[in-house]
Amino acid sequence: MQDYNYVWANCFEITLELSCCKYPPTSELQQEWENNRESLLAFIEKVVHIGVKGFVRDAVTGDGLENATIVVAGIAHNITAGK
């Protein structure tokens, strides 16, 4: 799903592993949250402003442009603007 969203939906997803146990018991979930809460919040604060965000607009009219292709030199993945 991550690859599909990156290529087709312009969405970059990540997976975070909290421990080596894939299915921790329910009784341990609160402790896993406490163990990782600050790190998760620090990560979110760091990455939330990385990248480009905004609107693609016509230079003359200022109208929004749908399906505009955004190309960045050196990155082999173009982005297509939404509505």
N, C-alpha and C. Protein backbone atom coordinates (compact mmCIF):
# COMPACT_ATOMS: atom_id res chain seq x y z
N MET A 1 0.82 -1.19 0.00
CA MET A 1 0.00 0.00 0.00
C MET A 1 0.87 1.26 0.00
N GLN A 2 1.99 1.21 0.71
CA GLN A 2 2.86 2.39 0.77
C GLN A 2 3.37 2.77 -0.61
N ASP A 3 3.80 1.79 -1.39
CA ASP A 3 4.31 2.08 -2.73
C ASP A 3 3.20 2.64 -3.62
N TYR A 4 2.03 2.06 -3.54
CA TYR A 4 0.90 2.53 -4.35
C TYR A 4 0.59 3.99 -4.01
N ASN A 5 0.48 4.30 -2.72
CA ASN A 5 0.15 5.67 -2.32
C ASN A 5 1.23 6.66 -2.75
N TYR A 6 2.49 6.26 -2.69
CA TYR A 6 3.57 7.16 -3.10
C TYR A 6 3.50 7.46 -4.59
N VAL A 7 3.28 6.43 -5.38
CA VAL A 7 3.29 6.60 -6.83
C VAL A 7 2.01 7.24 -7.35
N TRP A 8 0.86 6.84 -6.82
CA TRP A 8 -0.42 7.25 -7.40
C TRP A 8 -1.18 8.30 -6.61
N ALA A 9 -0.90 8.44 -5.33
CA ALA A 9 -1.68 9.38 -4.52
C ALA A 9 -0.83 10.51 -3.95
N ASN A 10 0.46 10.55 -4.31
CA ASN A 10 1.36 11.59 -3.81
C ASN A 10 1.38 11.63 -2.29
N CYS A 11 1.30 10.46 -1.69
CA CYS A 11 1.26 10.34 -0.23
C CYS A 11 2.43 9.45 0.20
N PHE A 12 3.24 9.95 1.11
CA PHE A 12 4.39 9.18 1.58
C PHE A 12 4.06 8.61 2.95
N GLU A 13 3.90 7.30 3.02
CA GLU A 13 3.58 6.63 4.27
C GLU A 13 4.82 5.99 4.85
N ILE A 14 4.81 5.82 6.16
CA ILE A 14 5.90 5.13 6.83
C ILE A 14 5.33 4.07 7.76
N THR A 15 6.16 3.13 8.12
CA THR A 15 5.81 2.13 9.13
C THR A 15 6.80 2.28 10.27
N LEU A 16 6.29 2.35 11.48
CA LEU A 16 7.15 2.46 12.66
C LEU A 16 7.05 1.18 13.46
N GLU A 17 8.19 0.60 13.78
CA GLU A 17 8.23 -0.60 14.61
C GLU A 17 8.56 -0.18 16.04
N LEU A 18 7.69 -0.51 16.98
CA LEU A 18 7.86 -0.08 18.35
C LEU A 18 8.68 -1.04 19.18
N SER A 19 8.68 -2.30 18.81
CA SER A 19 9.44 -3.30 19.56
C SER A 19 9.72 -4.47 18.62
N CYS A 20 10.43 -5.45 19.12
CA CYS A 20 10.70 -6.62 18.29
C CYS A 20 9.51 -7.58 18.30
N CYS A 21 8.54 -7.34 19.17
CA CYS A 21 7.35 -8.18 19.26
C CYS A 21 6.29 -7.63 18.30
N LYS A 22 5.93 -8.43 17.30
CA LYS A 22 4.98 -7.96 16.29
C LYS A 22 3.57 -7.80 16.87
N TYR A 23 3.18 -8.65 17.78
CA TYR A 23 1.84 -8.59 18.38
C TYR A 23 1.96 -8.58 19.91
N PRO A 24 2.27 -7.43 20.49
CA PRO A 24 2.39 -7.39 21.95
C PRO A 24 1.02 -7.62 22.61
N PRO A 25 1.01 -8.19 23.78
CA PRO A 25 -0.26 -8.40 24.48
C PRO A 25 -0.94 -7.05 24.76
N THR A 26 -2.23 -7.05 24.79
CA THR A 26 -3.00 -5.83 25.05
C THR A 26 -2.56 -5.16 26.33
N SER A 27 -2.23 -5.95 27.31
CA SER A 27 -1.83 -5.40 28.62
C SER A 27 -0.54 -4.59 28.54
N GLU A 28 0.25 -4.75 27.47
CA GLU A 28 1.52 -4.04 27.33
C GLU A 28 1.44 -2.82 26.41
N LEU A 29 0.30 -2.60 25.77
CA LEU A 29 0.20 -1.52 24.80
C LEU A 29 0.38 -0.13 25.42
N GLN A 30 -0.19 0.08 26.60
CA GLN A 30 -0.03 1.37 27.26
C GLN A 30 1.44 1.67 27.53
N GLN A 31 2.18 0.66 27.98
CA GLN A 31 3.61 0.85 28.26
C GLN A 31 4.39 1.11 26.97
N GLU A 32 4.02 0.44 25.88
CA GLU A 32 4.67 0.69 24.59
C GLU A 32 4.45 2.15 24.17
N TRP A 33 3.23 2.65 24.38
CA TRP A 33 2.94 4.05 24.06
C TRP A 33 3.82 4.96 24.91
N GLU A 34 3.88 4.71 26.20
CA GLU A 34 4.70 5.55 27.10
C GLU A 34 6.17 5.49 26.70
N ASN A 35 6.66 4.33 26.32
CA ASN A 35 8.07 4.17 25.94
C ASN A 35 8.42 4.94 24.67
N ASN A 36 7.45 5.13 23.79
CA ASN A 36 7.73 5.70 22.47
C ASN A 36 7.07 7.04 22.20
N ARG A 37 6.29 7.54 23.12
CA ARG A 37 5.51 8.76 22.90
C ARG A 37 6.39 9.96 22.54
N GLU A 38 7.40 10.25 23.32
CA GLU A 38 8.24 11.43 23.08
C GLU A 38 8.99 11.33 21.76
N SER A 39 9.48 10.13 21.45
CA SER A 39 10.18 9.94 20.18
C SER A 39 9.25 10.14 19.00
N LEU A 40 8.03 9.62 19.10
CA LEU A 40 7.05 9.79 18.03
C LEU A 40 6.70 11.26 17.84
N LEU A 41 6.46 11.97 18.93
CA LEU A 41 6.13 13.40 18.82
C LEU A 41 7.30 14.20 18.24
N ALA A 42 8.52 13.87 18.64
CA ALA A 42 9.70 14.56 18.09
C ALA A 42 9.82 14.30 16.59
N PHE A 43 9.56 13.07 16.18
CA PHE A 43 9.61 12.72 14.76
C PHE A 43 8.56 13.51 13.98
N ILE A 44 7.35 13.56 14.49
CA ILE A 44 6.28 14.29 13.82
C ILE A 44 6.64 15.77 13.70
N GLU A 45 7.15 16.35 14.78
CA GLU A 45 7.55 17.76 14.75
C GLU A 45 8.64 18.02 13.72
N LYS A 46 9.53 17.06 13.54
CA LYS A 46 10.63 17.21 12.60
C LYS A 46 10.16 17.14 11.15
N VAL A 47 9.33 16.16 10.82
CA VAL A 47 9.00 15.91 9.42
C VAL A 47 7.77 16.66 8.92
N VAL A 48 6.99 17.23 9.82
CA VAL A 48 5.75 17.84 9.38
C VAL A 48 5.98 19.02 8.43
N HIS A 49 7.12 19.68 8.53
CA HIS A 49 7.38 20.84 7.68
C HIS A 49 8.41 20.58 6.59
N ILE A 50 8.79 19.32 6.38
CA ILE A 50 9.74 18.99 5.33
C ILE A 50 8.96 18.78 4.03
N GLY A 51 9.45 19.32 2.96
CA GLY A 51 8.80 19.12 1.67
C GLY A 51 8.20 20.41 1.16
N VAL A 52 7.34 20.27 0.20
CA VAL A 52 6.70 21.41 -0.43
C VAL A 52 5.20 21.27 -0.25
N LYS A 53 4.56 22.37 0.07
CA LYS A 53 3.11 22.36 0.19
C LYS A 53 2.58 23.67 -0.35
N GLY A 54 1.38 23.65 -0.81
CA GLY A 54 0.79 24.87 -1.33
C GLY A 54 -0.15 24.58 -2.48
N PHE A 55 -0.41 25.59 -3.27
CA PHE A 55 -1.35 25.50 -4.38
C PHE A 55 -0.62 25.80 -5.68
N VAL A 56 -1.01 25.13 -6.74
CA VAL A 56 -0.48 25.40 -8.07
C VAL A 56 -1.49 26.32 -8.75
N ARG A 57 -1.04 27.53 -9.09
CA ARG A 57 -1.95 28.54 -9.65
C ARG A 57 -1.42 29.06 -10.99
N ASP A 58 -2.35 29.48 -11.82
CA ASP A 58 -2.01 30.13 -13.07
C ASP A 58 -1.34 31.46 -12.77
N ALA A 59 -0.23 31.74 -13.43
CA ALA A 59 0.54 32.96 -13.16
C ALA A 59 -0.22 34.23 -13.54
N VAL A 60 -1.12 34.16 -14.49
CA VAL A 60 -1.85 35.34 -14.95
C VAL A 60 -3.15 35.53 -14.19
N THR A 61 -3.96 34.48 -14.14
CA THR A 61 -5.30 34.61 -13.55
C THR A 61 -5.33 34.30 -12.06
N GLY A 62 -4.36 33.53 -11.59
CA GLY A 62 -4.37 33.12 -10.18
C GLY A 62 -5.30 31.96 -9.90
N ASP A 63 -5.95 31.44 -10.92
CA ASP A 63 -6.84 30.29 -10.76
C ASP A 63 -6.02 29.04 -10.45
N GLY A 64 -6.61 28.15 -9.65
CA GLY A 64 -5.95 26.88 -9.35
C GLY A 64 -5.86 26.01 -10.59
N LEU A 65 -4.76 25.26 -10.71
CA LEU A 65 -4.55 24.37 -11.85
C LEU A 65 -4.68 22.93 -11.39
N GLU A 66 -5.62 22.21 -11.97
CA GLU A 66 -5.79 20.80 -11.67
C GLU A 66 -4.84 19.96 -12.52
N ASN A 67 -4.38 18.88 -11.95
CA ASN A 67 -3.55 17.90 -12.67
C ASN A 67 -2.27 18.49 -13.24
N ALA A 68 -1.75 19.55 -12.65
CA ALA A 68 -0.46 20.10 -13.09
C ALA A 68 0.65 19.17 -12.62
N THR A 69 1.62 18.93 -13.48
CA THR A 69 2.75 18.07 -13.13
C THR A 69 3.86 18.93 -12.53
N ILE A 70 4.32 18.53 -11.36
CA ILE A 70 5.39 19.24 -10.67
C ILE A 70 6.65 18.39 -10.78
N VAL A 71 7.69 18.97 -11.37
CA VAL A 71 8.94 18.26 -11.62
C VAL A 71 10.05 18.94 -10.83
N VAL A 72 10.82 18.15 -10.09
CA VAL A 72 11.95 18.67 -9.34
C VAL A 72 13.21 18.02 -9.90
N ALA A 73 14.17 18.83 -10.32
CA ALA A 73 15.41 18.31 -10.87
C ALA A 73 16.12 17.43 -9.84
N GLY A 74 16.55 16.26 -10.28
CA GLY A 74 17.27 15.35 -9.40
C GLY A 74 16.40 14.38 -8.67
N ILE A 75 15.08 14.51 -8.77
CA ILE A 75 14.16 13.57 -8.14
C ILE A 75 13.36 12.89 -9.24
N ALA A 76 13.44 11.59 -9.32
CA ALA A 76 12.83 10.85 -10.42
C ALA A 76 11.38 10.48 -10.13
N HIS A 77 10.67 11.32 -9.41
CA HIS A 77 9.26 11.07 -9.12
C HIS A 77 8.49 12.38 -9.21
N ASN A 78 7.72 12.53 -10.27
CA ASN A 78 6.93 13.74 -10.44
C ASN A 78 5.68 13.67 -9.58
N ILE A 79 5.15 14.83 -9.23
CA ILE A 79 3.92 14.94 -8.45
C ILE A 79 2.87 15.60 -9.33
N THR A 80 1.65 15.11 -9.25
CA THR A 80 0.56 15.73 -9.98
C THR A 80 -0.36 16.41 -8.99
N ALA A 81 -0.63 17.69 -9.23
CA ALA A 81 -1.49 18.47 -8.34
C ALA A 81 -2.91 17.92 -8.36
N GLY A 82 -3.60 18.04 -7.24
CA GLY A 82 -5.00 17.63 -7.16
C GLY A 82 -5.92 18.74 -7.60
N LYS A 83 -7.15 18.71 -7.11
CA LYS A 83 -8.14 19.73 -7.47
C LYS A 83 -7.95 20.97 -6.64
